[in-house]
Amino acid sequence: MKNLFSTLKVLIIFVFLFFSEVFAQSNYLDEGIEFFEKNKLEKSKIFFERNLVFDPKSEQSYLYLAKIFNKKSNDGREEINLNSVLLLNPKNDEALYMLTLLKIRQSDYDEAKQLIEKFILICETFCSKEAELKEKLKILNPGNEKSNN
């Protein structure tokens, strides 16, 4: 009988700890978004990174980290996080759009062109950005773009 009560106590403690961690995990993402919307980038970054500790496949956390690094003009970290998003979900058109803009900003014409072609195939919510991407690519290398049309 004592063993049953001891086992039950351990089980209750385990369940309590498990659910408190799950609850905390969901709060990290929400709090990170709140701080991001208030433009408190360092605080939001901490919450997104905490969320990734509990959920390494959090597409949203990687995307928001990419947005933070975009605002901080840290191209390397932005690209790493965008690639993580696309690894988890190759059809994330927002991440693909941001990565294309990054490649255009880096003057990587060939990579940007390939990303635009991929973007056109998968876009769902950012389809209206297609013309903008093509225009920016044309400005990057107007002579090459004309010969390819």
N, C-alpha and C. Protein backbone atom coordinates (compact mmCIF):
# COMPACT_ATOMS: atom_id res chain seq x y z
N MET A 1 0.82 -1.19 0.00
CA MET A 1 0.00 0.00 0.00
C MET A 1 0.87 1.26 0.00
N LYS A 2 1.98 1.21 0.78
CA LYS A 2 2.89 2.36 0.82
C LYS A 2 3.50 2.61 -0.56
N ASN A 3 3.84 1.52 -1.24
CA ASN A 3 4.43 1.64 -2.57
C ASN A 3 3.45 2.28 -3.55
N LEU A 4 2.19 1.95 -3.42
CA LEU A 4 1.17 2.52 -4.29
C LEU A 4 1.07 4.03 -4.09
N PHE A 5 1.06 4.47 -2.84
CA PHE A 5 0.99 5.91 -2.54
C PHE A 5 2.26 6.63 -3.00
N SER A 6 3.40 6.01 -2.82
CA SER A 6 4.66 6.61 -3.26
C SER A 6 4.69 6.74 -4.78
N THR A 7 4.26 5.70 -5.45
CA THR A 7 4.21 5.74 -6.91
C THR A 7 3.23 6.79 -7.39
N LEU A 8 2.11 6.88 -6.72
CA LEU A 8 1.10 7.88 -7.08
C LEU A 8 1.62 9.29 -6.88
N LYS A 9 2.34 9.53 -5.80
CA LYS A 9 2.93 10.85 -5.53
C LYS A 9 3.92 11.22 -6.63
N VAL A 10 4.79 10.28 -6.97
CA VAL A 10 5.79 10.53 -8.01
C VAL A 10 5.10 10.82 -9.34
N LEU A 11 4.07 10.07 -9.64
CA LEU A 11 3.33 10.27 -10.89
C LEU A 11 2.67 11.64 -10.93
N ILE A 12 2.08 12.06 -9.84
CA ILE A 12 1.43 13.37 -9.77
C ILE A 12 2.46 14.48 -9.93
N ILE A 13 3.60 14.34 -9.29
CA ILE A 13 4.67 15.35 -9.42
C ILE A 13 5.17 15.41 -10.86
N PHE A 14 5.37 14.25 -11.45
CA PHE A 14 5.84 14.20 -12.83
C PHE A 14 4.84 14.89 -13.78
N VAL A 15 3.56 14.57 -13.64
CA VAL A 15 2.52 15.17 -14.49
C VAL A 15 2.49 16.68 -14.29
N PHE A 16 2.57 17.13 -13.04
CA PHE A 16 2.57 18.56 -12.76
C PHE A 16 3.75 19.26 -13.42
N LEU A 17 4.94 18.68 -13.28
CA LEU A 17 6.13 19.28 -13.89
C LEU A 17 6.05 19.27 -15.40
N PHE A 18 5.56 18.18 -15.97
CA PHE A 18 5.45 18.07 -17.42
C PHE A 18 4.52 19.15 -17.97
N PHE A 19 3.35 19.30 -17.37
CA PHE A 19 2.39 20.28 -17.88
C PHE A 19 2.84 21.71 -17.61
N SER A 20 3.55 21.95 -16.54
CA SER A 20 4.05 23.30 -16.30
C SER A 20 5.10 23.66 -17.35
N GLU A 21 5.92 22.70 -17.79
CA GLU A 21 6.91 22.95 -18.84
C GLU A 21 6.22 23.20 -20.18
N VAL A 22 5.19 22.43 -20.48
CA VAL A 22 4.45 22.62 -21.73
C VAL A 22 3.80 23.99 -21.73
N PHE A 23 3.23 24.39 -20.61
CA PHE A 23 2.59 25.70 -20.50
C PHE A 23 3.63 26.81 -20.66
N ALA A 24 4.77 26.66 -20.00
CA ALA A 24 5.84 27.66 -20.10
C ALA A 24 6.34 27.78 -21.54
N GLN A 25 6.44 26.65 -22.22
CA GLN A 25 6.90 26.64 -23.60
C GLN A 25 5.99 27.48 -24.48
N SER A 26 4.69 27.30 -24.36
CA SER A 26 3.77 28.05 -25.20
C SER A 26 3.82 29.53 -24.85
N ASN A 27 4.09 29.85 -23.60
CA ASN A 27 4.19 31.25 -23.20
C ASN A 27 5.44 31.91 -23.76
N TYR A 28 6.53 31.17 -23.91
CA TYR A 28 7.76 31.75 -24.46
C TYR A 28 7.51 32.32 -25.85
N LEU A 29 6.84 31.57 -26.70
CA LEU A 29 6.57 32.05 -28.05
C LEU A 29 5.66 33.27 -28.01
N ASP A 30 4.58 33.20 -27.24
CA ASP A 30 3.65 34.32 -27.15
C ASP A 30 4.31 35.57 -26.58
N GLU A 31 5.11 35.40 -25.53
CA GLU A 31 5.80 36.55 -24.94
C GLU A 31 6.82 37.12 -25.91
N GLY A 32 7.50 36.26 -26.63
CA GLY A 32 8.46 36.73 -27.62
C GLY A 32 7.79 37.58 -28.69
N ILE A 33 6.63 37.14 -29.14
CA ILE A 33 5.88 37.90 -30.15
C ILE A 33 5.44 39.25 -29.58
N GLU A 34 4.98 39.24 -28.34
CA GLU A 34 4.56 40.50 -27.70
C GLU A 34 5.72 41.50 -27.65
N PHE A 35 6.88 41.04 -27.19
CA PHE A 35 8.04 41.93 -27.11
C PHE A 35 8.49 42.37 -28.50
N PHE A 36 8.41 41.48 -29.47
CA PHE A 36 8.80 41.84 -30.84
C PHE A 36 7.90 42.95 -31.38
N GLU A 37 6.60 42.82 -31.13
CA GLU A 37 5.65 43.83 -31.61
C GLU A 37 5.86 45.17 -30.92
N LYS A 38 6.43 45.15 -29.72
CA LYS A 38 6.75 46.40 -29.01
C LYS A 38 8.16 46.89 -29.36
N ASN A 39 8.79 46.22 -30.30
CA ASN A 39 10.14 46.54 -30.78
C ASN A 39 11.20 46.38 -29.68
N LYS A 40 10.95 45.49 -28.74
CA LYS A 40 11.94 45.16 -27.72
C LYS A 40 12.65 43.90 -28.20
N LEU A 41 13.60 44.11 -29.10
CA LEU A 41 14.21 43.01 -29.82
C LEU A 41 15.03 42.07 -28.95
N GLU A 42 15.82 42.61 -28.03
CA GLU A 42 16.66 41.75 -27.19
C GLU A 42 15.81 40.85 -26.30
N LYS A 43 14.75 41.40 -25.70
CA LYS A 43 13.88 40.60 -24.85
C LYS A 43 13.17 39.53 -25.67
N SER A 44 12.67 39.93 -26.84
CA SER A 44 11.95 38.95 -27.67
C SER A 44 12.88 37.85 -28.13
N LYS A 45 14.11 38.20 -28.45
CA LYS A 45 15.10 37.21 -28.88
C LYS A 45 15.31 36.15 -27.80
N ILE A 46 15.39 36.56 -26.57
CA ILE A 46 15.58 35.62 -25.46
C ILE A 46 14.41 34.64 -25.37
N PHE A 47 13.19 35.14 -25.53
CA PHE A 47 12.02 34.27 -25.43
C PHE A 47 11.94 33.30 -26.61
N PHE A 48 12.28 33.75 -27.80
CA PHE A 48 12.28 32.84 -28.94
C PHE A 48 13.35 31.75 -28.78
N GLU A 49 14.50 32.13 -28.26
CA GLU A 49 15.56 31.14 -28.04
C GLU A 49 15.15 30.15 -26.95
N ARG A 50 14.47 30.63 -25.91
CA ARG A 50 13.97 29.73 -24.87
C ARG A 50 12.95 28.75 -25.46
N ASN A 51 12.11 29.26 -26.33
CA ASN A 51 11.11 28.39 -26.95
C ASN A 51 11.77 27.29 -27.77
N LEU A 52 12.87 27.63 -28.43
CA LEU A 52 13.58 26.64 -29.23
C LEU A 52 14.24 25.56 -28.37
N VAL A 53 14.56 25.87 -27.13
CA VAL A 53 15.10 24.86 -26.23
C VAL A 53 14.07 23.76 -26.02
N PHE A 54 12.80 24.16 -25.85
CA PHE A 54 11.73 23.20 -25.60
C PHE A 54 11.14 22.63 -26.88
N ASP A 55 11.21 23.41 -27.95
CA ASP A 55 10.65 22.96 -29.23
C ASP A 55 11.61 23.34 -30.36
N PRO A 56 12.62 22.51 -30.62
CA PRO A 56 13.62 22.84 -31.64
C PRO A 56 13.04 22.92 -33.06
N LYS A 57 11.80 22.50 -33.23
CA LYS A 57 11.17 22.56 -34.55
C LYS A 57 10.15 23.70 -34.64
N SER A 58 10.33 24.73 -33.83
CA SER A 58 9.41 25.86 -33.84
C SER A 58 9.73 26.79 -35.00
N GLU A 59 9.00 26.59 -36.06
CA GLU A 59 9.17 27.38 -37.28
C GLU A 59 9.00 28.87 -36.99
N GLN A 60 8.01 29.21 -36.17
CA GLN A 60 7.75 30.62 -35.86
C GLN A 60 8.89 31.26 -35.09
N SER A 61 9.49 30.53 -34.18
CA SER A 61 10.61 31.10 -33.41
C SER A 61 11.77 31.43 -34.34
N TYR A 62 12.10 30.52 -35.24
CA TYR A 62 13.18 30.79 -36.20
C TYR A 62 12.84 31.97 -37.10
N LEU A 63 11.58 32.06 -37.52
CA LEU A 63 11.18 33.16 -38.40
C LEU A 63 11.30 34.50 -37.68
N TYR A 64 10.83 34.55 -36.44
CA TYR A 64 10.94 35.81 -35.69
C TYR A 64 12.39 36.16 -35.39
N LEU A 65 13.22 35.15 -35.12
CA LEU A 65 14.65 35.43 -34.92
C LEU A 65 15.25 36.01 -36.19
N ALA A 66 14.84 35.49 -37.34
CA ALA A 66 15.32 36.04 -38.62
C ALA A 66 14.89 37.50 -38.76
N LYS A 67 13.66 37.80 -38.37
CA LYS A 67 13.16 39.18 -38.44
C LYS A 67 13.97 40.10 -37.52
N ILE A 68 14.31 39.59 -36.34
CA ILE A 68 15.12 40.37 -35.40
C ILE A 68 16.48 40.68 -36.01
N PHE A 69 17.12 39.64 -36.56
CA PHE A 69 18.44 39.84 -37.14
C PHE A 69 18.38 40.70 -38.40
N ASN A 70 17.26 40.69 -39.10
CA ASN A 70 17.07 41.58 -40.23
C ASN A 70 17.08 43.03 -39.75
N LYS A 71 16.34 43.29 -38.68
CA LYS A 71 16.29 44.65 -38.13
C LYS A 71 17.64 45.10 -37.60
N LYS A 72 18.45 44.14 -37.14
CA LYS A 72 19.77 44.46 -36.61
C LYS A 72 20.84 44.44 -37.70
N SER A 73 20.44 44.19 -38.93
CA SER A 73 21.36 44.10 -40.07
C SER A 73 22.44 43.05 -39.86
N ASN A 74 22.07 41.94 -39.29
CA ASN A 74 22.99 40.82 -39.11
C ASN A 74 22.61 39.75 -40.14
N ASP A 75 23.14 39.92 -41.36
CA ASP A 75 22.77 39.06 -42.48
C ASP A 75 23.07 37.59 -42.23
N GLY A 76 24.20 37.30 -41.61
CA GLY A 76 24.59 35.91 -41.39
C GLY A 76 23.60 35.18 -40.49
N ARG A 77 23.26 35.78 -39.37
CA ARG A 77 22.31 35.15 -38.43
C ARG A 77 20.90 35.11 -39.02
N GLU A 78 20.56 36.15 -39.79
CA GLU A 78 19.24 36.15 -40.45
C GLU A 78 19.15 34.96 -41.41
N GLU A 79 20.18 34.77 -42.21
CA GLU A 79 20.17 33.68 -43.19
C GLU A 79 20.11 32.31 -42.51
N ILE A 80 20.85 32.14 -41.42
CA ILE A 80 20.83 30.87 -40.69
C ILE A 80 19.41 30.55 -40.23
N ASN A 81 18.73 31.53 -39.67
CA ASN A 81 17.37 31.30 -39.16
C ASN A 81 16.38 31.10 -40.29
N LEU A 82 16.52 31.82 -41.39
CA LEU A 82 15.63 31.61 -42.53
C LEU A 82 15.82 30.21 -43.12
N ASN A 83 17.07 29.78 -43.20
CA ASN A 83 17.33 28.42 -43.70
C ASN A 83 16.74 27.37 -42.76
N SER A 84 16.75 27.64 -41.46
CA SER A 84 16.13 26.71 -40.50
C SER A 84 14.63 26.62 -40.73
N VAL A 85 14.00 27.77 -40.98
CA VAL A 85 12.56 27.77 -41.27
C VAL A 85 12.28 26.94 -42.51
N LEU A 86 13.06 27.18 -43.55
CA LEU A 86 12.83 26.48 -44.82
C LEU A 86 13.18 24.99 -44.74
N LEU A 87 14.08 24.64 -43.85
CA LEU A 87 14.37 23.23 -43.62
C LEU A 87 13.17 22.54 -42.97
N LEU A 88 12.55 23.24 -42.02
CA LEU A 88 11.37 22.70 -41.34
C LEU A 88 10.13 22.72 -42.23
N ASN A 89 10.02 23.78 -43.04
CA ASN A 89 8.85 23.93 -43.91
C ASN A 89 9.28 24.59 -45.22
N PRO A 90 9.64 23.81 -46.24
CA PRO A 90 10.10 24.37 -47.50
C PRO A 90 9.06 25.24 -48.21
N LYS A 91 7.81 25.18 -47.78
CA LYS A 91 6.76 25.98 -48.42
C LYS A 91 6.40 27.24 -47.64
N ASN A 92 7.26 27.65 -46.73
CA ASN A 92 7.01 28.88 -45.98
C ASN A 92 7.37 30.06 -46.88
N ASP A 93 6.35 30.66 -47.47
CA ASP A 93 6.61 31.71 -48.46
C ASP A 93 7.15 32.99 -47.84
N GLU A 94 6.82 33.26 -46.59
CA GLU A 94 7.38 34.46 -45.94
C GLU A 94 8.89 34.32 -45.76
N ALA A 95 9.34 33.16 -45.32
CA ALA A 95 10.78 32.93 -45.16
C ALA A 95 11.49 32.97 -46.51
N LEU A 96 10.87 32.39 -47.51
CA LEU A 96 11.45 32.41 -48.86
C LEU A 96 11.53 33.83 -49.40
N TYR A 97 10.50 34.61 -49.15
CA TYR A 97 10.49 36.02 -49.56
C TYR A 97 11.63 36.78 -48.86
N MET A 98 11.76 36.58 -47.55
CA MET A 98 12.81 37.27 -46.80
C MET A 98 14.20 36.84 -47.26
N LEU A 99 14.37 35.55 -47.53
CA LEU A 99 15.67 35.05 -48.00
C LEU A 99 16.00 35.62 -49.38
N THR A 100 15.00 35.74 -50.23
CA THR A 100 15.22 36.33 -51.55
C THR A 100 15.65 37.79 -51.42
N LEU A 101 14.97 38.55 -50.56
CA LEU A 101 15.37 39.94 -50.34
C LEU A 101 16.81 40.03 -49.81
N LEU A 102 17.16 39.11 -48.93
CA LEU A 102 18.52 39.08 -48.40
C LEU A 102 19.53 38.82 -49.50
N LYS A 103 19.24 37.87 -50.38
CA LYS A 103 20.16 37.56 -51.48
C LYS A 103 20.27 38.74 -52.46
N ILE A 104 19.17 39.43 -52.68
CA ILE A 104 19.22 40.62 -53.54
C ILE A 104 20.08 41.70 -52.86
N ARG A 105 19.88 41.88 -51.56
CA ARG A 105 20.66 42.86 -50.81
C ARG A 105 22.15 42.52 -50.85
N GLN A 106 22.46 41.23 -50.89
CA GLN A 106 23.86 40.77 -50.95
C GLN A 106 24.39 40.73 -52.39
N SER A 107 23.57 41.15 -53.33
CA SER A 107 23.92 41.16 -54.76
C SER A 107 24.22 39.76 -55.31
N ASP A 108 23.55 38.77 -54.79
CA ASP A 108 23.69 37.39 -55.26
C ASP A 108 22.58 37.14 -56.29
N TYR A 109 22.84 37.58 -57.52
CA TYR A 109 21.83 37.54 -58.57
C TYR A 109 21.33 36.13 -58.86
N ASP A 110 22.24 35.18 -59.04
CA ASP A 110 21.85 33.82 -59.42
C ASP A 110 20.99 33.16 -58.34
N GLU A 111 21.41 33.28 -57.09
CA GLU A 111 20.65 32.68 -56.00
C GLU A 111 19.28 33.35 -55.86
N ALA A 112 19.26 34.68 -55.99
CA ALA A 112 17.99 35.41 -55.89
C ALA A 112 17.03 34.99 -57.00
N LYS A 113 17.56 34.81 -58.19
CA LYS A 113 16.71 34.40 -59.31
C LYS A 113 16.11 33.02 -59.06
N GLN A 114 16.92 32.09 -58.57
CA GLN A 114 16.42 30.74 -58.26
C GLN A 114 15.36 30.78 -57.16
N LEU A 115 15.60 31.62 -56.15
CA LEU A 115 14.63 31.73 -55.07
C LEU A 115 13.31 32.33 -55.54
N ILE A 116 13.37 33.29 -56.47
CA ILE A 116 12.14 33.88 -57.01
C ILE A 116 11.35 32.81 -57.77
N GLU A 117 12.04 31.99 -58.55
CA GLU A 117 11.36 30.93 -59.30
C GLU A 117 10.67 29.95 -58.34
N LYS A 118 11.35 29.63 -57.26
CA LYS A 118 10.77 28.74 -56.25
C LYS A 118 9.60 29.43 -55.54
N PHE A 119 9.76 30.72 -55.25
CA PHE A 119 8.72 31.51 -54.59
C PHE A 119 7.43 31.51 -55.41
N ILE A 120 7.56 31.67 -56.71
CA ILE A 120 6.39 31.71 -57.60
C ILE A 120 5.63 30.38 -57.53
N LEU A 121 6.35 29.29 -57.40
CA LEU A 121 5.71 27.97 -57.34
C LEU A 121 4.95 27.71 -56.03
N ILE A 122 5.45 28.26 -54.92
CA ILE A 122 4.86 27.90 -53.63
C ILE A 122 4.07 29.00 -52.93
N CYS A 123 4.10 30.21 -53.45
CA CYS A 123 3.51 31.33 -52.71
C CYS A 123 2.02 31.11 -52.45
N GLU A 124 1.62 31.49 -51.25
CA GLU A 124 0.22 31.42 -50.84
C GLU A 124 -0.22 32.76 -50.28
N THR A 125 0.49 33.24 -49.26
CA THR A 125 0.09 34.49 -48.62
C THR A 125 0.89 35.69 -49.10
N PHE A 126 2.04 35.47 -49.68
CA PHE A 126 2.89 36.57 -50.11
C PHE A 126 2.97 36.69 -51.64
N CYS A 127 2.00 36.15 -52.36
CA CYS A 127 2.04 36.18 -53.82
C CYS A 127 2.08 37.60 -54.38
N SER A 128 1.50 38.53 -53.65
CA SER A 128 1.50 39.92 -54.11
C SER A 128 2.91 40.51 -54.14
N LYS A 129 3.87 39.87 -53.50
CA LYS A 129 5.25 40.36 -53.44
C LYS A 129 6.08 39.91 -54.64
N GLU A 130 5.52 39.09 -55.51
CA GLU A 130 6.26 38.57 -56.66
C GLU A 130 6.79 39.69 -57.56
N ALA A 131 5.93 40.64 -57.88
CA ALA A 131 6.35 41.75 -58.76
C ALA A 131 7.47 42.56 -58.11
N GLU A 132 7.36 42.78 -56.81
CA GLU A 132 8.40 43.53 -56.09
C GLU A 132 9.74 42.81 -56.18
N LEU A 133 9.74 41.50 -55.98
CA LEU A 133 10.98 40.73 -56.06
C LEU A 133 11.58 40.79 -57.46
N LYS A 134 10.73 40.64 -58.47
CA LYS A 134 11.23 40.69 -59.86
C LYS A 134 11.81 42.05 -60.19
N GLU A 135 11.18 43.11 -59.70
CA GLU A 135 11.67 44.47 -59.95
C GLU A 135 13.02 44.69 -59.28
N LYS A 136 13.15 44.25 -58.06
CA LYS A 136 14.42 44.40 -57.34
C LYS A 136 15.52 43.58 -58.00
N LEU A 137 15.18 42.40 -58.51
CA LEU A 137 16.16 41.58 -59.21
C LEU A 137 16.59 42.27 -60.50
N LYS A 138 15.64 42.87 -61.19
CA LYS A 138 15.93 43.58 -62.44
C LYS A 138 16.86 44.76 -62.18
N ILE A 139 16.63 45.46 -61.09
CA ILE A 139 17.50 46.59 -60.73
C ILE A 139 18.90 46.10 -60.40
N LEU A 140 18.99 44.92 -59.77
CA LEU A 140 20.28 44.35 -59.40
C LEU A 140 21.13 44.05 -60.63
N ASN A 141 20.51 43.51 -61.67
CA ASN A 141 21.25 43.13 -62.86
C ASN A 141 20.36 43.29 -64.09
N PRO A 142 20.10 44.55 -64.51
CA PRO A 142 19.15 44.78 -65.58
C PRO A 142 19.54 44.18 -66.92
N GLY A 143 20.82 44.14 -67.27
CA GLY A 143 21.24 43.59 -68.56
C GLY A 143 21.00 42.10 -68.65
N ASN A 144 21.33 41.39 -67.61
CA ASN A 144 21.18 39.93 -67.57
C ASN A 144 19.70 39.55 -67.57
N GLU A 145 18.88 40.31 -66.87
CA GLU A 145 17.46 39.99 -66.76
C GLU A 145 16.78 40.08 -68.14
N LYS A 146 17.16 41.09 -68.93
CA LYS A 146 16.53 41.24 -70.25
C LYS A 146 16.87 40.08 -71.17
N SER A 147 18.10 39.59 -71.09
CA SER A 147 18.51 38.50 -71.97
C SER A 147 17.87 37.17 -71.58
N ASN A 148 17.37 37.05 -70.37
CA ASN A 148 16.77 35.81 -69.92
C ASN A 148 15.26 35.76 -70.15
N ASN A 149 14.63 36.85 -70.55
CA ASN A 149 13.18 36.87 -70.76
C ASN A 149 12.80 36.43 -72.13
